[in-house]
Amino acid sequence: MTGINEVDQYNIAIYPNPADEMLYIDRGAYNGITEFSLMDINGRVIFTENLNGLKSIDISKLHNGIYFYQMKSDDFVKIGKVIIE
C-alpha cells in the first residue's frame, strides 16, 4: 500500500462537495480497479461498487448529512467525507 502523498499523485477526486443530486468519482491517473464504498455517519454501507474510470452516483434519494467514503485498491486506501444537501 502507498502513503497519502503517493495516492495524491493519481489526482483522484470526489466531487462536488457538498453534493445534492449526483456524486462523481474521478480516478484520475489510476488505471487499476478500485472499490468505492459510501457509508452513513453510523458506518452503514449505503453503496459499494468496483470502479473503472469516471463514475457518477445518484444520491438524490439520500438524506441530508455527512457521509464517509472509502476507495480501496491493491495500491492504496483513500478515506474522506462528503456532505449531502
Protein backbone atom coordinates (compact mmCIF):
# COMPACT_ATOMS: atom_id res chain seq x y z
CA MET A 1 0.00 0.00 0.00
CA THR A 2 1.12 3.52 -0.64
CA GLY A 3 1.14 6.57 1.57
CA ILE A 4 -1.12 9.60 1.31
CA ASN A 5 1.29 11.59 -0.85
CA GLU A 6 1.54 8.73 -3.32
CA VAL A 7 -2.27 8.42 -3.52
CA ASP A 8 -2.50 12.14 -4.29
CA GLN A 9 -0.22 11.67 -7.31
CA TYR A 10 -3.12 9.91 -9.05
CA ASN A 11 -5.30 13.07 -8.82
CA ILE A 12 -8.30 11.13 -7.53
CA ALA A 13 -11.31 13.42 -6.99
CA ILE A 14 -14.75 13.04 -5.40
CA TYR A 15 -16.99 15.99 -6.33
CA PRO A 16 -18.96 18.15 -5.83
CA ASN A 17 -18.68 18.51 -2.07
CA PRO A 18 -21.23 19.41 -0.82
CA ALA A 19 -23.37 17.44 -3.28
CA ASP A 20 -27.12 17.31 -3.83
CA GLU A 21 -28.13 15.07 -6.75
CA MET A 22 -25.06 13.40 -8.23
CA LEU A 23 -21.67 12.47 -6.83
CA TYR A 24 -18.79 11.99 -9.27
CA ILE A 25 -15.75 9.82 -8.68
CA ASP A 26 -12.80 10.56 -10.94
CA ARG A 27 -9.95 8.08 -10.51
CA GLY A 28 -7.56 10.42 -12.28
CA ALA A 29 -4.37 8.72 -13.44
CA TYR A 30 -5.04 5.47 -11.57
CA ASN A 31 -5.69 2.61 -14.03
CA GLY A 32 -6.42 -0.32 -11.70
CA ILE A 33 -9.76 -1.47 -10.36
CA THR A 34 -10.94 0.46 -7.32
CA GLU A 35 -13.65 -0.48 -4.83
CA PHE A 36 -15.69 2.58 -3.79
CA SER A 37 -17.95 2.48 -0.69
CA LEU A 38 -20.22 5.20 0.67
CA MET A 39 -21.21 4.94 4.34
CA ASP A 40 -23.57 6.91 6.55
CA ILE A 41 -22.48 8.57 9.79
CA ASN A 42 -23.15 5.30 11.68
CA GLY A 43 -20.84 3.31 9.40
CA ARG A 44 -23.61 1.52 7.47
CA VAL A 45 -22.62 0.87 3.88
CA ILE A 46 -25.03 2.67 1.54
CA PHE A 47 -23.31 1.92 -1.76
CA THR A 48 -20.40 -0.25 -2.91
CA GLU A 49 -19.13 -0.77 -6.43
CA ASN A 50 -15.94 -1.70 -8.25
CA LEU A 51 -14.93 1.25 -10.41
CA ASN A 52 -13.04 1.51 -13.63
CA GLY A 53 -12.89 5.10 -14.93
CA LEU A 54 -15.18 8.04 -14.15
CA LYS A 55 -18.33 7.10 -12.25
CA SER A 56 -21.44 9.06 -11.28
CA ILE A 57 -23.70 8.04 -8.40
CA ASP A 58 -27.28 9.24 -7.97
CA ILE A 59 -27.51 10.47 -4.36
CA SER A 60 -30.79 12.38 -4.74
CA LYS A 61 -32.69 9.90 -2.55
CA LEU A 62 -30.21 10.02 0.35
CA HIS A 63 -30.96 12.07 3.46
CA ASN A 64 -29.03 15.27 4.01
CA GLY A 65 -25.99 14.82 6.21
CA ILE A 66 -22.37 13.78 6.42
CA TYR A 67 -21.30 10.59 4.68
CA PHE A 68 -17.93 8.89 4.50
CA TYR A 69 -16.34 7.24 1.50
CA GLN A 70 -13.58 4.71 1.12
CA MET A 71 -11.69 3.94 -2.06
CA LYS A 72 -9.63 0.78 -1.94
CA SER A 73 -7.30 -0.87 -4.43
CA ASP A 74 -4.26 -3.13 -4.35
CA ASP A 75 -2.13 0.04 -4.23
CA PHE A 76 -3.90 2.40 -1.82
CA VAL A 77 -6.79 3.21 0.53
CA LYS A 78 -8.34 6.69 0.49
CA ILE A 79 -10.92 7.75 3.08
CA GLY A 80 -12.83 11.01 3.19
CA LYS A 81 -16.18 12.63 3.84
CA VAL A 82 -18.81 14.21 1.66
CA ILE A 83 -21.75 16.40 2.68
CA ILE A 84 -25.08 15.71 1.02
CA GLU A 85 -27.55 18.59 0.98
